[in-house]
Protein backbone atom coordinates (compact mmCIF):
# COMPACT_ATOMS: atom_id res chain seq x y z
CA UNK A 1 111.16 101.94 71.09
CA UNK A 2 113.67 103.92 69.05
CA UNK A 3 113.98 107.69 69.40
CA UNK A 4 112.07 108.52 66.20
CA UNK A 5 109.03 106.42 67.14
CA UNK A 6 109.16 107.77 70.69
CA UNK A 7 109.04 111.32 69.30
CA UNK A 8 106.02 110.49 67.15
CA UNK A 9 104.28 108.91 70.15
CA UNK A 10 104.44 112.06 72.31
CA UNK A 11 101.43 113.93 70.80
CA UNK A 12 99.32 110.76 71.10
CA UNK A 13 100.37 110.35 74.72
CA UNK A 14 99.39 113.87 75.75
CA UNK A 15 96.30 114.30 73.55
CA UNK A 16 94.81 110.82 73.90
CA UNK A 17 96.40 108.64 76.60
CA UNK A 18 96.65 111.09 79.51
CA UNK A 19 93.12 112.53 79.19
CA UNK A 20 91.69 109.05 78.66
CA UNK A 21 93.46 107.69 81.73
CA UNK A 22 92.18 110.55 83.88
CA UNK A 23 88.60 110.15 82.61
CA UNK A 24 88.47 106.36 82.85
CA UNK A 25 89.96 106.45 86.36
CA UNK A 26 87.27 108.85 87.54
CA UNK A 27 84.42 106.99 85.80
CA UNK A 28 85.46 103.51 86.84
CA UNK A 29 86.31 104.77 90.32
CA UNK A 30 82.78 106.08 90.81
CA UNK A 31 81.35 102.85 89.42
CA UNK A 32 83.56 100.83 91.78
CA UNK A 33 82.26 102.82 94.75
CA UNK A 34 78.63 102.26 93.73
CA UNK A 35 79.13 98.55 93.08
CA UNK A 36 81.04 98.13 96.33
CA UNK A 37 78.29 99.82 98.35
CA UNK A 38 75.41 97.95 96.72
CA UNK A 39 77.03 94.56 96.21
CA UNK A 40 80.46 93.45 97.49
CA UNK A 41 84.23 93.68 97.17
CA UNK A 42 84.15 90.77 94.72
CA UNK A 43 81.71 92.58 92.45
CA UNK A 44 83.73 95.80 92.68
CA UNK A 45 86.80 93.87 91.57
CA UNK A 46 85.30 93.55 88.07
CA UNK A 47 85.38 97.34 87.66
CA UNK A 48 89.09 97.31 88.55
CA UNK A 49 89.73 94.60 85.96
CA UNK A 50 87.94 96.62 83.27
CA UNK A 51 89.89 99.75 84.23
CA UNK A 52 93.15 97.81 84.08
CA UNK A 53 92.48 96.34 80.65
CA UNK A 54 91.31 99.63 79.18
CA UNK A 55 94.41 101.36 80.57
CA UNK A 56 96.70 98.82 78.92
CA UNK A 57 94.79 98.94 75.65
CA UNK A 58 95.01 102.71 75.23
CA UNK A 59 98.80 102.93 75.71
CA UNK A 60 98.99 100.20 74.23
CA UNK A 61 100.67 97.61 76.45
CA UNK A 62 100.74 93.99 75.32
CA UNK A 63 100.80 91.54 78.24
CA UNK A 64 102.22 88.02 78.04
CA UNK A 65 101.32 85.73 80.94
CA UNK A 66 103.29 82.55 81.56
CA UNK A 67 102.94 80.06 84.39
CA UNK A 68 99.13 79.77 84.36
CA UNK A 69 99.45 76.17 85.46
CA UNK A 70 101.09 77.32 88.71
CA UNK A 71 97.95 78.81 90.21
CA UNK A 72 94.17 78.42 90.33
CA UNK A 73 91.80 81.31 89.76
CA UNK A 74 89.36 82.08 92.59
CA UNK A 75 91.79 80.56 95.11
CA UNK A 76 93.33 83.05 97.54
CA UNK A 77 97.08 83.65 97.60
CA UNK A 78 99.58 86.07 99.02
CA UNK A 79 100.94 87.39 95.75
CA UNK A 80 104.55 88.61 96.06
CA UNK A 81 105.92 90.57 93.11
CA UNK A 82 108.79 92.84 92.18
CA UNK A 83 107.91 96.46 91.48
CA UNK A 84 109.44 98.42 88.61
CA UNK A 85 106.75 100.84 87.49
CA UNK A 86 103.24 102.20 88.00
CA UNK A 87 102.37 100.10 84.95
CA UNK A 88 102.67 97.03 87.20
CA UNK A 89 99.28 97.78 88.77
CA UNK A 90 96.97 97.48 85.72
CA UNK A 91 99.04 94.64 84.32
CA UNK A 92 98.75 92.48 87.45
CA UNK A 93 95.12 93.35 88.16
CA UNK A 94 93.90 93.07 84.62
CA UNK A 95 95.49 89.88 83.38
CA UNK A 96 96.12 87.39 86.18
CA UNK A 97 92.47 86.59 86.80
CA UNK A 98 92.78 86.80 90.58
CA UNK A 99 90.60 88.82 92.94
CA UNK A 100 93.45 91.04 94.07
CA UNK A 101 93.53 93.40 97.04
CA UNK A 102 96.46 95.77 97.18
CA UNK A 103 98.58 96.72 100.16
CA UNK A 104 99.17 100.43 99.62
CA UNK A 105 100.46 103.42 101.52
CA UNK A 106 97.79 105.32 103.43
CA UNK A 107 98.55 108.60 101.62
CA UNK A 108 96.75 107.20 98.55
CA UNK A 109 93.50 107.10 100.52
CA UNK A 110 93.39 110.92 100.28
CA UNK A 111 93.20 110.97 96.45
CA UNK A 112 89.63 112.02 95.49
CA UNK A 113 87.48 109.15 94.18
CA UNK A 114 90.51 106.87 93.77
CA UNK A 115 91.05 106.46 97.52
CA UNK A 116 87.39 105.74 98.23
CA UNK A 117 87.22 103.31 95.30
CA UNK A 118 90.21 101.42 96.67
CA UNK A 119 88.48 101.23 100.05
CA UNK A 120 85.38 99.60 98.56
CA UNK A 121 87.60 97.36 96.46
CA UNK A 122 89.00 96.02 99.73
CA UNK A 123 92.54 97.38 99.46
CA UNK A 124 94.63 97.56 102.63
CA UNK A 125 96.05 100.96 103.58
CA UNK A 126 99.11 101.00 105.80
CA UNK A 127 101.39 103.54 107.43
CA UNK A 128 104.76 102.57 106.05
CA UNK A 129 106.60 104.80 108.53
CA UNK A 130 105.34 102.78 111.52
CA UNK A 131 105.89 99.04 111.27
CA UNK A 132 103.63 98.05 114.17
CA UNK A 133 100.77 100.24 112.92
CA UNK A 134 101.15 98.74 109.45
CA UNK A 135 100.93 95.20 110.82
CA UNK A 136 97.81 96.10 112.84
CA UNK A 137 96.18 97.57 109.72
CA UNK A 138 96.79 94.33 107.83
CA UNK A 139 95.36 92.27 110.69
CA UNK A 140 92.21 94.42 110.85
CA UNK A 141 91.71 94.32 107.10
CA UNK A 142 92.13 90.55 106.96
CA UNK A 143 88.90 90.08 108.91
CA UNK A 144 86.90 91.85 106.21
CA UNK A 145 88.45 90.26 103.13
CA UNK A 146 86.47 88.03 100.82
CA UNK A 147 87.36 84.31 101.03
CA UNK A 148 88.32 84.60 97.34
CA UNK A 149 90.64 87.55 97.87
CA UNK A 150 94.35 87.39 97.10
CA UNK A 151 96.49 90.03 98.81
CA UNK A 152 99.31 91.49 96.76
CA UNK A 153 102.54 92.78 98.27
CA UNK A 154 105.31 94.55 96.40
CA UNK A 155 107.83 93.02 98.76
CA UNK A 156 110.59 95.56 98.07
CA UNK A 157 108.37 98.17 99.68
CA UNK A 158 108.66 100.65 96.81
CA UNK A 159 109.48 100.82 93.12
CA UNK A 160 112.98 99.87 92.05
CA UNK A 161 114.84 102.87 90.63
CA UNK A 162 117.35 100.61 88.87
CA UNK A 163 115.17 97.83 87.49
CA UNK A 164 116.94 95.35 89.75
CA UNK A 165 115.15 93.47 92.54
CA UNK A 166 116.02 94.92 95.95
CA UNK A 167 115.86 93.09 99.32
CA UNK A 168 112.39 92.00 100.40
CA UNK A 169 110.59 93.11 103.54
CA UNK A 170 109.03 90.48 105.80
CA UNK A 171 105.42 91.72 105.88
CA UNK A 172 104.08 89.52 103.07
CA UNK A 173 105.72 86.43 104.49
CA UNK A 174 104.47 87.00 108.04
CA UNK A 175 100.98 87.55 106.64
CA UNK A 176 101.21 84.31 104.62
CA UNK A 177 102.34 82.35 107.68
CA UNK A 178 99.58 83.71 109.90
CA UNK A 179 96.81 83.24 107.32
CA UNK A 180 98.23 79.90 106.11
CA UNK A 181 97.86 81.08 102.53
CA UNK A 182 100.39 80.05 99.88
CA UNK A 183 102.81 82.64 98.56
CA UNK A 184 102.54 83.09 94.80
CA UNK A 185 105.82 84.57 93.48
CA UNK A 186 105.37 86.77 90.39
CA UNK A 187 108.01 88.36 88.17
CA UNK A 188 107.07 91.52 86.28
CA UNK A 189 109.43 92.05 83.37
CA UNK A 190 109.93 95.06 81.05
CA UNK A 191 107.59 97.47 82.87
CA UNK A 192 110.64 99.58 83.77
CA UNK A 193 111.01 100.42 80.07
CA UNK A 194 107.29 101.18 79.64
CA UNK A 195 107.09 103.76 82.44
CA UNK A 196 110.25 104.40 84.47
CA UNK A 197 109.78 105.45 88.12
CA UNK A 198 109.38 109.16 88.86
CA UNK A 199 108.72 110.08 85.25
CA UNK A 200 106.01 110.47 82.61
CA UNK A 201 108.15 108.87 79.91
CA UNK A 202 105.38 106.46 78.97
CA UNK A 203 105.86 104.40 75.81
CA UNK A 204 103.98 101.41 74.36
CA UNK A 205 105.53 97.97 74.57
CA UNK A 206 105.36 94.44 75.95
CA UNK A 207 105.27 93.40 79.60
CA UNK A 208 105.79 89.82 80.74
CA UNK A 209 104.13 88.35 83.83
CA UNK A 210 105.85 85.17 84.98
CA UNK A 211 104.01 83.23 87.68
CA UNK A 212 106.11 80.76 89.67
CA UNK A 213 105.09 77.78 91.77
CA UNK A 214 103.42 78.55 95.11
CA UNK A 215 105.48 78.49 98.29
CA UNK A 216 104.10 77.45 101.66
CA UNK A 217 105.36 78.73 105.01
CA UNK A 218 104.66 76.46 107.95
CA UNK A 219 103.55 78.22 111.13
CA UNK A 220 105.57 75.67 113.09
CA UNK A 221 108.83 76.62 111.38
CA UNK A 222 109.44 80.37 111.95
CA UNK A 223 113.22 79.97 112.00
CA UNK A 224 113.23 79.38 108.24
CA UNK A 225 111.61 82.73 107.45
CA UNK A 226 114.77 84.47 106.22
CA UNK A 227 115.65 81.45 104.12
CA UNK A 228 112.20 81.42 102.49
CA UNK A 229 112.30 85.17 101.83
CA UNK A 230 115.65 84.93 100.05
CA UNK A 231 114.53 81.88 98.09
CA UNK A 232 111.38 83.66 96.85
CA UNK A 233 113.38 86.78 96.02
CA UNK A 234 115.87 84.71 93.99
CA UNK A 235 113.01 83.02 92.13
CA UNK A 236 111.46 86.36 91.21
CA UNK A 237 114.77 87.95 90.25
CA UNK A 238 116.02 85.06 88.08
CA UNK A 239 114.07 85.95 84.87
CA UNK A 240 115.40 89.53 85.05
CA UNK A 241 119.04 88.50 84.86
């Protein structure tokens, strides 16, 4: 977006987008809690999908999804994606068609309504400062996940401040090996321009989701873990070059 259009967009952002996002997050969060209590994580997931699509529509963000043939809806995966922006969350959840559970830092549990809604959605809260505690949290949460649930990891551990893909952590890959679920590599492209990290410089635009072929990690072949991690990272990074 050029500077003139960005200037024109600012009043709309502050008068319409920001209040709408706050209101829809509170409303859909409360609905998610109610649905999760009465029904199930799977039912609560629909409220998250609606929230995601409404969030993208109001900005607006246009999402292009390629690679649909590489995965099957309602089948569980360990989704591994790069992370450029907070815009990644509604884009992934709203448009891939998977029943996604997020791995998120435990501090987010303290956010009123949002944290409780994420709990009933089935998200996994971890203490990123303690590796062993984080692994135990994932193991405990796994027992309560729906058979249809896909667990999403931003394998870099945090948002990229440069737009480039940083080295991946092992957590997602260990989880995939132990659960025998396929890894589904996903590239998120252009979200860095929509909402850069550590800023409110939100602008409308297009975000591409590129879904790659699943990768399987054999429990009998742990020595190849580093090789698989680098291969998946290279696959995800390639469309960003």
